[in-house]
Amino acid sequence: MKIEDHELIQLELKYCERCGGLWLRLQGISEVYCASCRPHVQDLPAPRRIATRPRLPGSHRLSLNAQERGWILIQGGNA
């Protein structure tokens, strides 16, 4: 028995960021709107800044120095 070569198309389930509907898109494609919403969002202005990694609100300075924070570190023993 001979197996024919088939082209595999990998899809992923995605929700539309405009209407919330579920649709399938090709894996690795960054489209975020379904086909029926794309014409409606073409006229929207482009985002002002590029998305960065999420950060916690408040001070963006993170210090891991225990002495600077006033912590006392105690070496633990065996339980």
Protein backbone atom coordinates (compact mmCIF):
# COMPACT_ATOMS: atom_id res chain seq x y z
CA MET A 1 0.00 0.00 0.00
CA LYS A 2 1.42 3.34 -1.04
CA ILE A 3 0.77 6.42 1.10
CA GLU A 4 0.36 9.66 -0.79
CA ASP A 5 2.12 12.77 0.42
CA HIS A 6 -0.42 15.15 1.90
CA GLU A 7 0.17 18.76 2.72
CA LEU A 8 -0.47 19.44 6.40
CA ILE A 9 -2.09 22.71 7.32
CA GLN A 10 -1.88 23.54 11.00
CA LEU A 11 -4.63 25.74 12.37
CA GLU A 12 -5.22 27.30 15.76
CA LEU A 13 -8.44 28.39 17.43
CA LYS A 14 -8.55 32.17 17.92
CA TYR A 15 -11.13 34.60 19.24
CA CYS A 16 -11.74 37.85 17.38
CA GLU A 17 -10.56 40.85 19.40
CA ARG A 18 -13.44 42.95 18.04
CA CYS A 19 -16.54 40.77 18.16
CA GLY A 20 -15.36 37.90 20.38
CA GLY A 21 -16.29 35.24 17.85
CA LEU A 22 -14.22 32.08 17.47
CA TRP A 23 -12.45 31.32 14.21
CA LEU A 24 -9.56 29.27 12.87
CA ARG A 25 -6.36 30.85 11.61
CA LEU A 26 -3.17 29.42 10.18
CA GLN A 27 -0.68 28.65 12.91
CA GLY A 28 1.98 31.35 13.23
CA ILE A 29 -0.12 34.11 11.63
CA SER A 30 -0.63 37.16 13.84
CA GLU A 31 -4.08 38.17 12.55
CA VAL A 32 -6.36 39.05 15.49
CA TYR A 33 -9.66 39.86 13.72
CA CYS A 34 -12.07 37.49 11.98
CA ALA A 35 -12.85 37.93 8.28
CA SER A 36 -16.13 39.78 8.91
CA CYS A 37 -14.47 42.31 11.27
CA ARG A 38 -11.37 43.07 9.16
CA PRO A 39 -13.15 45.66 6.94
CA HIS A 40 -14.42 47.49 10.06
CA VAL A 41 -10.99 47.79 11.68
CA GLN A 42 -9.05 48.87 8.58
CA ASP A 43 -10.01 52.50 9.22
CA LEU A 44 -8.83 52.44 12.84
CA PRO A 45 -5.58 54.30 13.56
CA ALA A 46 -2.44 52.25 14.09
CA PRO A 47 -1.35 51.79 17.71
CA ARG A 48 0.98 54.51 18.96
CA ARG A 49 3.47 52.28 20.68
CA ILE A 50 4.67 48.79 20.21
CA ALA A 51 3.45 46.36 22.85
CA THR A 52 6.10 45.43 25.38
CA ARG A 53 6.24 42.73 27.98
CA PRO A 54 3.71 43.28 30.78
CA ARG A 55 4.89 45.12 33.89
CA LEU A 56 3.49 45.51 37.36
CA PRO A 57 1.93 48.89 38.17
CA GLY A 58 3.83 51.32 40.38
CA SER A 59 7.55 51.76 40.65
CA HIS A 60 9.44 49.94 37.94
CA ARG A 61 12.58 49.74 40.07
CA LEU A 62 13.08 46.27 41.43
CA SER A 63 15.74 45.70 44.04
CA LEU A 64 16.69 42.22 45.08
CA ASN A 65 19.16 43.40 47.71
CA ALA A 66 17.88 42.16 51.11
CA GLN A 67 19.98 44.61 53.13
CA GLU A 68 18.59 47.53 51.15
CA ARG A 69 15.06 46.45 52.06
CA GLY A 70 15.91 45.95 55.74
CA TRP A 71 15.31 42.22 55.69
CA ILE A 72 17.14 39.88 57.98
CA LEU A 73 18.14 36.64 56.34
CA ILE A 74 18.48 33.62 58.63
CA GLN A 75 20.06 30.42 57.46
CA GLY A 76 17.65 27.53 58.02
CA GLY A 77 18.45 24.15 59.55
CA ASN A 78 17.19 20.65 58.92
CA ALA A 79 13.55 19.92 59.53
